Amino acid sequence: MALIAKLEGYLKTSSDPDQVRQSIARARADLAKVEADLISARAAEADASQRSAAAGNLHSSCQRMVDNRGRLA
């Protein structure tokens, strides 16, 4: 965002404002892609965390089942 603000500052004094506008558009598109990638990564992290918790719960349940069967035998 600092880059976009800097480019917008150049826009006022630039001899080629169209080029600066194109740079601003590219910077905004790049920022949008990074934001989308970050959202996707956060969703993947949350999903992995849920799967990890489920696997841990399953492991604990299996361990209790093994322990209980050992006592019954």
N, C-alpha and C. Protein backbone atom coordinates (compact mmCIF):
# COMPACT_ATOMS: atom_id res chain seq x y z
N MET A 1 0.82 -1.18 0.00
CA MET A 1 0.00 0.00 0.00
C MET A 1 0.87 1.25 0.00
N ALA A 2 2.03 1.17 0.60
CA ALA A 2 2.93 2.31 0.60
C ALA A 2 3.38 2.61 -0.83
N LEU A 3 3.60 1.56 -1.61
CA LEU A 3 3.99 1.75 -3.00
C LEU A 3 2.89 2.46 -3.77
N ILE A 4 1.66 2.06 -3.55
CA ILE A 4 0.53 2.70 -4.25
C ILE A 4 0.44 4.17 -3.85
N ALA A 5 0.59 4.46 -2.58
CA ALA A 5 0.54 5.85 -2.13
C ALA A 5 1.68 6.66 -2.74
N LYS A 6 2.85 6.05 -2.82
CA LYS A 6 4.00 6.73 -3.43
C LYS A 6 3.74 7.01 -4.90
N LEU A 7 3.20 6.02 -5.60
CA LEU A 7 2.89 6.21 -7.02
C LEU A 7 1.82 7.28 -7.21
N GLU A 8 0.83 7.29 -6.34
CA GLU A 8 -0.21 8.33 -6.43
C GLU A 8 0.39 9.72 -6.21
N GLY A 9 1.40 9.81 -5.37
CA GLY A 9 2.12 11.07 -5.19
C GLY A 9 2.85 11.49 -6.45
N TYR A 10 3.47 10.52 -7.14
CA TYR A 10 4.16 10.80 -8.40
C TYR A 10 3.19 11.24 -9.48
N LEU A 11 1.97 10.78 -9.40
CA LEU A 11 0.97 11.08 -10.42
C LEU A 11 0.76 12.59 -10.56
N LYS A 12 0.85 13.31 -9.46
CA LYS A 12 0.61 14.75 -9.48
C LYS A 12 1.72 15.51 -10.21
N THR A 13 2.93 14.99 -10.16
CA THR A 13 4.07 15.72 -10.73
C THR A 13 4.66 15.04 -11.96
N SER A 14 4.13 13.92 -12.35
CA SER A 14 4.71 13.15 -13.45
C SER A 14 4.50 13.83 -14.80
N SER A 15 5.51 13.67 -15.66
CA SER A 15 5.37 14.16 -17.03
C SER A 15 4.60 13.16 -17.88
N ASP A 16 4.46 11.92 -17.37
CA ASP A 16 3.71 10.88 -18.09
C ASP A 16 2.73 10.23 -17.12
N PRO A 17 1.63 10.90 -16.83
CA PRO A 17 0.68 10.37 -15.85
C PRO A 17 0.06 9.03 -16.26
N ASP A 18 -0.05 8.78 -17.56
CA ASP A 18 -0.61 7.50 -18.00
C ASP A 18 0.27 6.33 -17.56
N GLN A 19 1.57 6.52 -17.66
CA GLN A 19 2.49 5.46 -17.23
C GLN A 19 2.36 5.23 -15.72
N VAL A 20 2.23 6.30 -14.97
CA VAL A 20 2.08 6.17 -13.52
C VAL A 20 0.75 5.48 -13.20
N ARG A 21 -0.31 5.83 -13.92
CA ARG A 21 -1.61 5.17 -13.71
C ARG A 21 -1.50 3.67 -13.98
N GLN A 22 -0.76 3.31 -15.02
CA GLN A 22 -0.57 1.89 -15.33
C GLN A 22 0.20 1.20 -14.20
N SER A 23 1.20 1.88 -13.69
CA SER A 23 1.96 1.31 -12.56
C SER A 23 1.08 1.14 -11.33
N ILE A 24 0.21 2.12 -11.10
CA ILE A 24 -0.72 2.02 -9.97
C ILE A 24 -1.67 0.84 -10.17
N ALA A 25 -2.18 0.69 -11.38
CA ALA A 25 -3.09 -0.43 -11.67
C ALA A 25 -2.39 -1.76 -11.47
N ARG A 26 -1.13 -1.87 -11.92
CA ARG A 26 -0.38 -3.12 -11.73
C ARG A 26 -0.14 -3.38 -10.24
N ALA A 27 0.22 -2.34 -9.50
CA ALA A 27 0.46 -2.49 -8.06
C ALA A 27 -0.81 -2.93 -7.34
N ARG A 28 -1.93 -2.35 -7.73
CA ARG A 28 -3.20 -2.75 -7.10
C ARG A 28 -3.56 -4.19 -7.45
N ALA A 29 -3.32 -4.58 -8.70
CA ALA A 29 -3.60 -5.97 -9.10
C ALA A 29 -2.69 -6.93 -8.34
N ASP A 30 -1.42 -6.57 -8.20
CA ASP A 30 -0.48 -7.41 -7.45
C ASP A 30 -0.91 -7.52 -5.99
N LEU A 31 -1.34 -6.41 -5.42
CA LEU A 31 -1.80 -6.41 -4.03
C LEU A 31 -3.04 -7.29 -3.86
N ALA A 32 -3.95 -7.20 -4.81
CA ALA A 32 -5.16 -8.03 -4.76
C ALA A 32 -4.81 -9.51 -4.82
N LYS A 33 -3.82 -9.85 -5.66
CA LYS A 33 -3.39 -11.25 -5.77
C LYS A 33 -2.77 -11.73 -4.45
N VAL A 34 -1.94 -10.90 -3.86
CA VAL A 34 -1.32 -11.26 -2.58
C VAL A 34 -2.39 -11.44 -1.51
N GLU A 35 -3.36 -10.53 -1.48
CA GLU A 35 -4.45 -10.65 -0.50
C GLU A 35 -5.25 -11.93 -0.71
N ALA A 36 -5.53 -12.26 -1.97
CA ALA A 36 -6.27 -13.50 -2.27
C ALA A 36 -5.45 -14.72 -1.85
N ASP A 37 -4.14 -14.69 -2.13
CA ASP A 37 -3.28 -15.80 -1.72
C ASP A 37 -3.23 -15.94 -0.21
N LEU A 38 -3.21 -14.82 0.49
CA LEU A 38 -3.19 -14.85 1.95
C LEU A 38 -4.48 -15.43 2.51
N ILE A 39 -5.60 -15.03 1.95
CA ILE A 39 -6.89 -15.57 2.38
C ILE A 39 -6.94 -17.07 2.14
N SER A 40 -6.45 -17.49 0.98
CA SER A 40 -6.42 -18.92 0.65
C SER A 40 -5.51 -19.69 1.61
N ALA A 41 -4.36 -19.11 1.92
CA ALA A 41 -3.43 -19.77 2.84
C ALA A 41 -4.02 -19.88 4.24
N ARG A 42 -4.71 -18.83 4.67
CA ARG A 42 -5.36 -18.88 5.99
C ARG A 42 -6.45 -19.95 6.04
N ALA A 43 -7.20 -20.06 4.96
CA ALA A 43 -8.25 -21.09 4.91
C ALA A 43 -7.63 -22.48 4.93
N ALA A 44 -6.54 -22.66 4.19
CA ALA A 44 -5.86 -23.96 4.18
C ALA A 44 -5.28 -24.28 5.55
N GLU A 45 -4.75 -23.27 6.22
CA GLU A 45 -4.21 -23.47 7.57
C GLU A 45 -5.31 -23.87 8.54
N ALA A 46 -6.45 -23.22 8.46
CA ALA A 46 -7.57 -23.56 9.34
C ALA A 46 -8.05 -24.97 9.07
N ASP A 47 -8.12 -25.35 7.80
CA ASP A 47 -8.55 -26.70 7.43
C ASP A 47 -7.56 -27.73 7.95
N ALA A 48 -6.27 -27.45 7.78
CA ALA A 48 -5.25 -28.37 8.27
C ALA A 48 -5.31 -28.49 9.79
N SER A 49 -5.58 -27.39 10.45
CA SER A 49 -5.68 -27.42 11.91
C SER A 49 -6.86 -28.29 12.36
N GLN A 50 -7.98 -28.16 11.66
CA GLN A 50 -9.15 -28.98 12.00
C GLN A 50 -8.87 -30.46 11.75
N ARG A 51 -8.20 -30.75 10.62
CA ARG A 51 -7.88 -32.16 10.34
C ARG A 51 -6.90 -32.72 11.34
N SER A 52 -5.96 -31.90 11.77
CA SER A 52 -4.99 -32.33 12.78
C SER A 52 -5.68 -32.62 14.11
N ALA A 53 -6.61 -31.75 14.48
CA ALA A 53 -7.35 -31.98 15.73
C ALA A 53 -8.19 -33.24 15.64
N ALA A 54 -8.82 -33.46 14.49
CA ALA A 54 -9.63 -34.67 14.30
C ALA A 54 -8.75 -35.91 14.37
N ALA A 55 -7.57 -35.84 13.77
CA ALA A 55 -6.65 -36.98 13.81
C ALA A 55 -6.19 -37.25 15.24
N GLY A 56 -5.93 -36.18 15.98
CA GLY A 56 -5.54 -36.34 17.38
C GLY A 56 -6.65 -36.97 18.21
N ASN A 57 -7.87 -36.53 17.97
CA ASN A 57 -9.02 -37.11 18.69
C ASN A 57 -9.20 -38.57 18.33
N LEU A 58 -9.05 -38.90 17.05
CA LEU A 58 -9.17 -40.29 16.62
C LEU A 58 -8.08 -41.14 17.26
N HIS A 59 -6.87 -40.62 17.31
CA HIS A 59 -5.77 -41.35 17.93
C HIS A 59 -6.06 -41.60 19.41
N SER A 60 -6.55 -40.58 20.09
CA SER A 60 -6.88 -40.74 21.52
C SER A 60 -7.98 -41.77 21.72
N SER A 61 -8.99 -41.73 20.86
CA SER A 61 -10.08 -42.70 20.96
C SER A 61 -9.58 -44.12 20.73
N CYS A 62 -8.73 -44.28 19.73
CA CYS A 62 -8.17 -45.61 19.45
C CYS A 62 -7.31 -46.09 20.61
N GLN A 63 -6.53 -45.18 21.18
CA GLN A 63 -5.67 -45.55 22.30
C GLN A 63 -6.52 -45.98 23.49
N ARG A 64 -7.61 -45.25 23.78
CA ARG A 64 -8.50 -45.65 24.88
C ARG A 64 -9.12 -47.01 24.60
N MET A 65 -9.51 -47.26 23.35
CA MET A 65 -10.10 -48.54 22.99
C MET A 65 -9.09 -49.67 23.20
N VAL A 66 -7.85 -49.44 22.79
CA VAL A 66 -6.81 -50.46 22.98
C VAL A 66 -6.57 -50.68 24.47
N ASP A 67 -6.50 -49.61 25.23
CA ASP A 67 -6.27 -49.74 26.67
C ASP A 67 -7.42 -50.49 27.34
N ASN A 68 -8.65 -50.19 26.97
CA ASN A 68 -9.81 -50.86 27.56
C ASN A 68 -9.86 -52.33 27.18
N ARG A 69 -9.53 -52.66 25.97
CA ARG A 69 -9.53 -54.07 25.56
C ARG A 69 -8.44 -54.83 26.30
N GLY A 70 -7.35 -54.18 26.57
CA GLY A 70 -6.27 -54.83 27.30
C GLY A 70 -6.70 -55.18 28.71
N ARG A 71 -7.53 -54.36 29.32
CA ARG A 71 -8.00 -54.61 30.68
C ARG A 71 -9.08 -55.68 30.71
N LEU A 72 -9.87 -55.77 29.65
CA LEU A 72 -10.95 -56.75 29.62
C LEU A 72 -10.43 -58.17 29.40
N ALA A 73 -9.32 -58.29 28.74
CA ALA A 73 -8.82 -59.63 28.39
C ALA A 73 -8.21 -60.35 29.53
